[in-house]
Amino acid sequence: MNLIIAQQSLDTAWHFPLMILASLILFYLIIRVVVGKIIFKEKIRSIIVLSLFVVVVGMLFGKYGAQMGLPWWIYYPVPMLMTVLLPPVVLKMNFKRTILYLFLSFLSAPVIHVLFSFFMGWTEYMPFWEIPFVGEL
């Protein structure tokens, strides 16, 4: 039984890095749409650091915080607050851009979850929301 669980864990261990990569790409696209081409080019270094911190550190904190037994009210809101608060502050977004960013950022996690769940059968991005796998339909 433990061997089966260990094998399943190994089979899915590579999912998380790909989910981080997909999240990074989507985050870059959202920032690019929100700030525009000129500001994006001007602030590319800040955007790269911000992206690595918000996406990579945020996802690692969420995943390993949960596995280490932190309460959900720590491992879930901290990355969410990083995602919501840091980009508008760091990139000095005006009200209109902040609203657009917030709207798109709140859509991004469900979009990634739907794509991974529906097309690949990976349900660990948002495990509480069940999406059928296309191969089972």
N, C-alpha and C. Protein backbone atom coordinates (compact mmCIF):
# COMPACT_ATOMS: atom_id res chain seq x y z
N MET A 1 0.83 -1.19 0.00
CA MET A 1 0.00 0.00 0.00
C MET A 1 0.87 1.26 0.00
N ASN A 2 1.89 1.30 0.89
CA ASN A 2 2.79 2.45 0.93
C ASN A 2 3.55 2.61 -0.38
N LEU A 3 3.87 1.49 -1.04
CA LEU A 3 4.57 1.53 -2.31
C LEU A 3 3.68 2.18 -3.37
N ILE A 4 2.40 1.89 -3.37
CA ILE A 4 1.46 2.49 -4.32
C ILE A 4 1.37 4.00 -4.09
N ILE A 5 1.26 4.41 -2.86
CA ILE A 5 1.19 5.84 -2.53
C ILE A 5 2.49 6.54 -2.94
N ALA A 6 3.62 5.90 -2.66
CA ALA A 6 4.91 6.49 -3.03
C ALA A 6 5.03 6.60 -4.55
N GLN A 7 4.58 5.59 -5.29
CA GLN A 7 4.64 5.61 -6.75
C GLN A 7 3.74 6.71 -7.31
N GLN A 8 2.53 6.87 -6.75
CA GLN A 8 1.63 7.94 -7.20
C GLN A 8 2.25 9.30 -6.93
N SER A 9 2.93 9.43 -5.80
CA SER A 9 3.59 10.68 -5.45
C SER A 9 4.68 11.00 -6.45
N LEU A 10 5.47 10.00 -6.84
CA LEU A 10 6.51 10.20 -7.84
C LEU A 10 5.93 10.54 -9.20
N ASP A 11 4.80 9.92 -9.54
CA ASP A 11 4.18 10.17 -10.83
C ASP A 11 3.67 11.60 -10.96
N THR A 12 3.28 12.21 -9.85
CA THR A 12 2.72 13.55 -9.91
C THR A 12 3.66 14.63 -9.41
N ALA A 13 4.86 14.27 -8.96
CA ALA A 13 5.79 15.26 -8.41
C ALA A 13 6.17 16.32 -9.43
N TRP A 14 6.22 15.97 -10.70
CA TRP A 14 6.59 16.92 -11.73
C TRP A 14 5.44 17.85 -12.12
N HIS A 15 4.22 17.59 -11.65
CA HIS A 15 3.08 18.47 -11.94
C HIS A 15 3.31 19.87 -11.38
N PHE A 16 3.78 19.94 -10.14
CA PHE A 16 3.90 21.22 -9.46
C PHE A 16 4.83 22.20 -10.19
N PRO A 17 6.02 21.78 -10.61
CA PRO A 17 6.86 22.72 -11.37
C PRO A 17 6.19 23.21 -12.66
N LEU A 18 5.46 22.34 -13.33
CA LEU A 18 4.76 22.78 -14.54
C LEU A 18 3.62 23.74 -14.22
N MET A 19 2.97 23.53 -13.09
CA MET A 19 1.92 24.46 -12.67
C MET A 19 2.52 25.82 -12.31
N ILE A 20 3.69 25.81 -11.70
CA ILE A 20 4.37 27.07 -11.40
C ILE A 20 4.72 27.78 -12.71
N LEU A 21 5.24 27.04 -13.67
CA LEU A 21 5.60 27.63 -14.96
C LEU A 21 4.36 28.22 -15.66
N ALA A 22 3.27 27.48 -15.67
CA ALA A 22 2.03 27.99 -16.27
C ALA A 22 1.55 29.24 -15.55
N SER A 23 1.66 29.25 -14.24
CA SER A 23 1.26 30.41 -13.45
C SER A 23 2.15 31.61 -13.74
N LEU A 24 3.45 31.37 -13.89
CA LEU A 24 4.37 32.45 -14.24
C LEU A 24 4.03 33.06 -15.59
N ILE A 25 3.80 32.21 -16.56
CA ILE A 25 3.46 32.70 -17.90
C ILE A 25 2.17 33.52 -17.85
N LEU A 26 1.17 33.00 -17.18
CA LEU A 26 -0.10 33.72 -17.08
C LEU A 26 0.07 35.03 -16.32
N PHE A 27 0.87 35.02 -15.25
CA PHE A 27 1.13 36.25 -14.50
C PHE A 27 1.79 37.29 -15.40
N TYR A 28 2.82 36.90 -16.15
CA TYR A 28 3.47 37.82 -17.09
C TYR A 28 2.47 38.39 -18.08
N LEU A 29 1.61 37.53 -18.63
CA LEU A 29 0.61 38.00 -19.60
C LEU A 29 -0.35 39.00 -18.97
N ILE A 30 -0.77 38.70 -17.75
CA ILE A 30 -1.70 39.62 -17.07
C ILE A 30 -1.02 40.96 -16.83
N ILE A 31 0.21 40.94 -16.32
CA ILE A 31 0.94 42.19 -16.07
C ILE A 31 1.14 42.94 -17.38
N ARG A 32 1.48 42.23 -18.44
CA ARG A 32 1.70 42.86 -19.76
C ARG A 32 0.44 43.55 -20.25
N VAL A 33 -0.71 42.89 -20.11
CA VAL A 33 -1.98 43.47 -20.52
C VAL A 33 -2.33 44.69 -19.67
N VAL A 34 -2.11 44.56 -18.38
CA VAL A 34 -2.52 45.62 -17.44
C VAL A 34 -1.65 46.88 -17.58
N VAL A 35 -0.34 46.73 -17.62
CA VAL A 35 0.52 47.92 -17.62
C VAL A 35 0.84 48.44 -19.01
N GLY A 36 0.65 47.63 -20.02
CA GLY A 36 0.95 48.07 -21.38
C GLY A 36 2.39 47.78 -21.77
N LYS A 37 2.64 47.85 -23.06
CA LYS A 37 3.93 47.47 -23.63
C LYS A 37 5.09 48.36 -23.14
N ILE A 38 4.89 49.66 -23.11
CA ILE A 38 5.97 50.58 -22.77
C ILE A 38 6.38 50.42 -21.30
N ILE A 39 5.41 50.45 -20.40
CA ILE A 39 5.72 50.31 -18.98
C ILE A 39 6.29 48.92 -18.69
N PHE A 40 5.77 47.91 -19.38
CA PHE A 40 6.27 46.55 -19.20
C PHE A 40 7.77 46.50 -19.53
N LYS A 41 8.16 47.10 -20.65
CA LYS A 41 9.57 47.10 -21.04
C LYS A 41 10.42 47.92 -20.06
N GLU A 42 9.88 49.05 -19.61
CA GLU A 42 10.62 49.90 -18.69
C GLU A 42 10.85 49.22 -17.34
N LYS A 43 9.90 48.43 -16.90
CA LYS A 43 9.96 47.84 -15.55
C LYS A 43 10.20 46.33 -15.58
N ILE A 44 10.80 45.83 -16.64
CA ILE A 44 10.93 44.38 -16.81
C ILE A 44 11.71 43.74 -15.65
N ARG A 45 12.74 44.40 -15.14
CA ARG A 45 13.49 43.80 -14.01
C ARG A 45 12.62 43.69 -12.77
N SER A 46 11.87 44.74 -12.48
CA SER A 46 10.95 44.70 -11.33
C SER A 46 9.89 43.63 -11.53
N ILE A 47 9.42 43.49 -12.75
CA ILE A 47 8.38 42.51 -13.05
C ILE A 47 8.91 41.09 -12.90
N ILE A 48 10.15 40.86 -13.31
CA ILE A 48 10.74 39.52 -13.15
C ILE A 48 10.88 39.17 -11.67
N VAL A 49 11.43 40.08 -10.88
CA VAL A 49 11.58 39.83 -9.44
C VAL A 49 10.21 39.66 -8.79
N LEU A 50 9.29 40.54 -9.12
CA LEU A 50 7.93 40.46 -8.60
C LEU A 50 7.29 39.13 -8.95
N SER A 51 7.44 38.70 -10.18
CA SER A 51 6.86 37.44 -10.65
C SER A 51 7.43 36.25 -9.89
N LEU A 52 8.74 36.23 -9.74
CA LEU A 52 9.35 35.12 -9.01
C LEU A 52 8.88 35.10 -7.56
N PHE A 53 8.78 36.26 -6.96
CA PHE A 53 8.35 36.32 -5.57
C PHE A 53 6.88 35.95 -5.42
N VAL A 54 6.02 36.60 -6.20
CA VAL A 54 4.58 36.38 -6.07
C VAL A 54 4.19 34.96 -6.48
N VAL A 55 4.66 34.51 -7.62
CA VAL A 55 4.24 33.21 -8.15
C VAL A 55 5.01 32.07 -7.50
N VAL A 56 6.32 32.08 -7.63
CA VAL A 56 7.11 30.94 -7.17
C VAL A 56 7.11 30.85 -5.64
N VAL A 57 7.49 31.93 -4.97
CA VAL A 57 7.52 31.90 -3.51
C VAL A 57 6.11 31.69 -2.96
N GLY A 58 5.13 32.37 -3.56
CA GLY A 58 3.75 32.22 -3.10
C GLY A 58 3.24 30.78 -3.23
N MET A 59 3.50 30.15 -4.37
CA MET A 59 3.03 28.77 -4.56
C MET A 59 3.79 27.80 -3.67
N LEU A 60 5.09 28.01 -3.50
CA LEU A 60 5.87 27.15 -2.61
C LEU A 60 5.39 27.30 -1.16
N PHE A 61 5.14 28.53 -0.75
CA PHE A 61 4.64 28.76 0.60
C PHE A 61 3.29 28.09 0.80
N GLY A 62 2.40 28.22 -0.17
CA GLY A 62 1.08 27.59 -0.07
C GLY A 62 1.17 26.08 0.01
N LYS A 63 1.96 25.50 -0.89
CA LYS A 63 2.06 24.03 -0.93
C LYS A 63 2.75 23.48 0.31
N TYR A 64 3.91 24.01 0.64
CA TYR A 64 4.67 23.44 1.74
C TYR A 64 4.16 23.91 3.10
N GLY A 65 3.52 25.06 3.14
CA GLY A 65 2.86 25.49 4.37
C GLY A 65 1.76 24.52 4.76
N ALA A 66 0.99 24.09 3.78
CA ALA A 66 -0.07 23.11 4.04
C ALA A 66 0.53 21.77 4.46
N GLN A 67 1.58 21.35 3.77
CA GLN A 67 2.20 20.06 4.10
C GLN A 67 2.90 20.08 5.46
N MET A 68 3.35 21.24 5.88
CA MET A 68 4.03 21.34 7.18
C MET A 68 3.04 21.50 8.32
N GLY A 69 1.76 21.57 8.00
CA GLY A 69 0.76 21.64 9.04
C GLY A 69 0.37 23.04 9.49
N LEU A 70 0.79 24.05 8.73
CA LEU A 70 0.34 25.39 9.07
C LEU A 70 -1.17 25.47 8.92
N PRO A 71 -1.84 26.28 9.72
CA PRO A 71 -3.29 26.42 9.56
C PRO A 71 -3.63 27.04 8.20
N TRP A 72 -4.78 26.67 7.65
CA TRP A 72 -5.19 27.16 6.33
C TRP A 72 -5.23 28.67 6.28
N TRP A 73 -5.55 29.32 7.41
CA TRP A 73 -5.67 30.77 7.42
C TRP A 73 -4.31 31.46 7.36
N ILE A 74 -3.23 30.67 7.32
CA ILE A 74 -1.89 31.23 7.08
C ILE A 74 -1.42 30.85 5.68
N TYR A 75 -1.44 29.53 5.36
CA TYR A 75 -0.86 29.11 4.09
C TYR A 75 -1.70 29.49 2.88
N TYR A 76 -2.96 29.81 3.05
CA TYR A 76 -3.78 30.22 1.91
C TYR A 76 -3.80 31.74 1.73
N PRO A 77 -4.08 32.54 2.78
CA PRO A 77 -4.16 33.99 2.57
C PRO A 77 -2.83 34.69 2.29
N VAL A 78 -1.72 34.19 2.83
CA VAL A 78 -0.44 34.87 2.61
C VAL A 78 -0.10 34.95 1.11
N PRO A 79 -0.11 33.83 0.37
CA PRO A 79 0.16 33.95 -1.08
C PRO A 79 -0.91 34.78 -1.81
N MET A 80 -2.16 34.65 -1.36
CA MET A 80 -3.22 35.42 -2.00
C MET A 80 -3.01 36.91 -1.79
N LEU A 81 -2.64 37.30 -0.59
CA LEU A 81 -2.39 38.71 -0.31
C LEU A 81 -1.16 39.22 -1.06
N MET A 82 -0.14 38.38 -1.19
CA MET A 82 1.03 38.75 -2.00
C MET A 82 0.61 39.03 -3.43
N THR A 83 -0.24 38.18 -3.96
CA THR A 83 -0.70 38.31 -5.35
C THR A 83 -1.56 39.56 -5.53
N VAL A 84 -2.39 39.85 -4.55
CA VAL A 84 -3.32 40.97 -4.66
C VAL A 84 -2.63 42.31 -4.39
N LEU A 85 -1.77 42.36 -3.39
CA LEU A 85 -1.23 43.64 -2.95
C LEU A 85 0.08 44.06 -3.62
N LEU A 86 0.99 43.13 -3.81
CA LEU A 86 2.32 43.51 -4.28
C LEU A 86 2.36 44.10 -5.70
N PRO A 87 1.77 43.49 -6.71
CA PRO A 87 1.88 44.08 -8.05
C PRO A 87 1.36 45.52 -8.16
N PRO A 88 0.17 45.85 -7.63
CA PRO A 88 -0.25 47.25 -7.73
C PRO A 88 0.69 48.22 -7.01
N VAL A 89 1.25 47.79 -5.88
CA VAL A 89 2.15 48.67 -5.12
C VAL A 89 3.51 48.79 -5.81
N VAL A 90 4.11 47.65 -6.13
CA VAL A 90 5.45 47.64 -6.74
C VAL A 90 5.44 48.34 -8.10
N LEU A 91 4.41 48.10 -8.89
CA LEU A 91 4.34 48.68 -10.24
C LEU A 91 3.62 50.03 -10.28
N LYS A 92 3.23 50.52 -9.11
CA LYS A 92 2.57 51.83 -8.97
C LYS A 92 1.41 51.99 -9.95
N MET A 93 0.52 51.00 -9.90
CA MET A 93 -0.65 51.00 -10.78
C MET A 93 -1.67 52.04 -10.30
N ASN A 94 -2.30 52.70 -11.27
CA ASN A 94 -3.39 53.60 -10.91
C ASN A 94 -4.64 52.77 -10.61
N PHE A 95 -5.72 53.44 -10.22
CA PHE A 95 -6.94 52.74 -9.81
C PHE A 95 -7.49 51.85 -10.93
N LYS A 96 -7.56 52.37 -12.14
CA LYS A 96 -8.11 51.61 -13.27
C LYS A 96 -7.29 50.35 -13.55
N ARG A 97 -5.97 50.49 -13.55
CA ARG A 97 -5.11 49.33 -13.79
C ARG A 97 -5.18 48.34 -12.64
N THR A 98 -5.29 48.84 -11.43
CA THR A 98 -5.40 47.96 -10.26
C THR A 98 -6.67 47.12 -10.34
N ILE A 99 -7.77 47.74 -10.69
CA ILE A 99 -9.04 47.01 -10.82
C ILE A 99 -8.94 45.94 -11.90
N LEU A 100 -8.37 46.30 -13.05
CA LEU A 100 -8.19 45.33 -14.14
C LEU A 100 -7.27 44.19 -13.68
N TYR A 101 -6.17 44.55 -13.02
CA TYR A 101 -5.26 43.52 -12.51
C TYR A 101 -5.97 42.57 -11.54
N LEU A 102 -6.70 43.12 -10.59
CA LEU A 102 -7.40 42.29 -9.61
C LEU A 102 -8.39 41.36 -10.29
N PHE A 103 -9.14 41.88 -11.24
CA PHE A 103 -10.11 41.07 -11.98
C PHE A 103 -9.40 39.90 -12.68
N LEU A 104 -8.36 40.21 -13.43
CA LEU A 104 -7.64 39.16 -14.18
C LEU A 104 -6.92 38.20 -13.25
N SER A 105 -6.34 38.69 -12.17
CA SER A 105 -5.62 37.79 -11.26
C SER A 105 -6.56 36.84 -10.55
N PHE A 106 -7.78 37.30 -10.21
CA PHE A 106 -8.74 36.39 -9.58
C PHE A 106 -9.25 35.34 -10.56
N LEU A 107 -9.25 35.64 -11.84
CA LEU A 107 -9.65 34.66 -12.85
C LEU A 107 -8.55 33.65 -13.15
N SER A 108 -7.30 34.02 -12.92
CA SER A 108 -6.18 33.19 -13.37
C SER A 108 -6.13 31.81 -12.72
N ALA A 109 -6.31 31.72 -11.41
CA ALA A 109 -6.24 30.40 -10.75
C ALA A 109 -7.33 29.46 -11.25
N PRO A 110 -8.59 29.88 -11.33
CA PRO A 110 -9.59 28.96 -11.88
C PRO A 110 -9.32 28.57 -13.33
N VAL A 111 -8.80 29.48 -14.13
CA VAL A 111 -8.49 29.16 -15.53
C VAL A 111 -7.41 28.09 -15.59
N ILE A 112 -6.34 28.27 -14.82
CA ILE A 112 -5.26 27.27 -14.80
C ILE A 112 -5.81 25.94 -14.30
N HIS A 113 -6.62 25.96 -13.25
CA HIS A 113 -7.18 24.72 -12.72
C HIS A 113 -8.04 24.01 -13.76
N VAL A 114 -8.90 24.74 -14.42
CA VAL A 114 -9.78 24.14 -15.43
C VAL A 114 -8.95 23.53 -16.54
N LEU A 115 -7.95 24.24 -17.02
CA LEU A 115 -7.13 23.72 -18.12
C LEU A 115 -6.37 22.45 -17.70
N PHE A 116 -5.71 22.47 -16.55
CA PHE A 116 -4.98 21.29 -16.10
C PHE A 116 -5.93 20.14 -15.78
N SER A 117 -7.04 20.42 -15.14
CA SER A 117 -7.97 19.35 -14.77
C SER A 117 -8.64 18.75 -15.99
N PHE A 118 -9.15 19.60 -16.87
CA PHE A 118 -9.92 19.12 -18.01
C PHE A 118 -9.04 18.42 -19.04
N PHE A 119 -7.91 19.02 -19.38
CA PHE A 119 -7.09 18.47 -20.46
C PHE A 119 -6.06 17.45 -20.00
N MET A 120 -5.63 17.51 -18.73
CA MET A 120 -4.57 16.60 -18.29
C MET A 120 -4.99 15.71 -17.13
N GLY A 121 -6.14 16.00 -16.52
CA GLY A 121 -6.60 15.19 -15.40
C GLY A 121 -5.87 15.50 -14.10
N TRP A 122 -5.15 16.62 -14.04
CA TRP A 122 -4.42 17.01 -12.84
C TRP A 122 -5.35 17.86 -11.98
N THR A 123 -5.66 17.39 -10.81
CA THR A 123 -6.65 18.07 -9.98
C THR A 123 -6.05 18.76 -8.76
N GLU A 124 -4.73 18.76 -8.62
CA GLU A 124 -4.13 19.27 -7.39
C GLU A 124 -4.01 20.80 -7.33
N TYR A 125 -4.24 21.53 -8.41
CA TYR A 125 -4.11 22.99 -8.37
C TYR A 125 -5.17 23.60 -7.46
N MET A 126 -6.40 23.18 -7.62
CA MET A 126 -7.50 23.59 -6.73
C MET A 126 -8.31 22.33 -6.42
N PRO A 127 -7.82 21.48 -5.53
CA PRO A 127 -8.42 20.16 -5.32
C PRO A 127 -9.86 20.19 -4.81
N PHE A 128 -10.30 21.29 -4.27
CA PHE A 128 -11.67 21.40 -3.75
C PHE A 128 -12.68 21.65 -4.85
N TRP A 129 -12.24 21.91 -6.09
CA TRP A 129 -13.14 22.19 -7.20
C TRP A 129 -12.97 21.09 -8.24
N GLU A 130 -13.97 20.26 -8.37
CA GLU A 130 -13.89 19.07 -9.23
C GLU A 130 -14.28 19.40 -10.67
N ILE A 131 -13.33 19.20 -11.57
CA ILE A 131 -13.54 19.39 -13.01
C ILE A 131 -13.29 18.03 -13.66
N PRO A 132 -14.21 17.58 -14.52
CA PRO A 132 -14.00 16.27 -15.16
C PRO A 132 -12.84 16.33 -16.17
N PHE A 133 -12.14 15.21 -16.29
CA PHE A 133 -11.06 15.04 -17.25
C PHE A 133 -11.68 14.68 -18.60
N VAL A 134 -11.20 15.31 -19.66
CA VAL A 134 -11.75 15.09 -21.00
C VAL A 134 -11.65 13.61 -21.40
N GLY A 135 -10.64 12.91 -20.92
CA GLY A 135 -10.47 11.49 -21.25
C GLY A 135 -11.50 10.59 -20.61
N GLU A 136 -12.22 11.11 -19.61
CA GLU A 136 -13.25 10.31 -18.93
C GLU A 136 -14.65 10.64 -19.41
N LEU A 137 -14.78 11.60 -20.29
CA LEU A 137 -16.12 11.98 -20.78
C LEU A 137 -16.58 11.09 -21.89
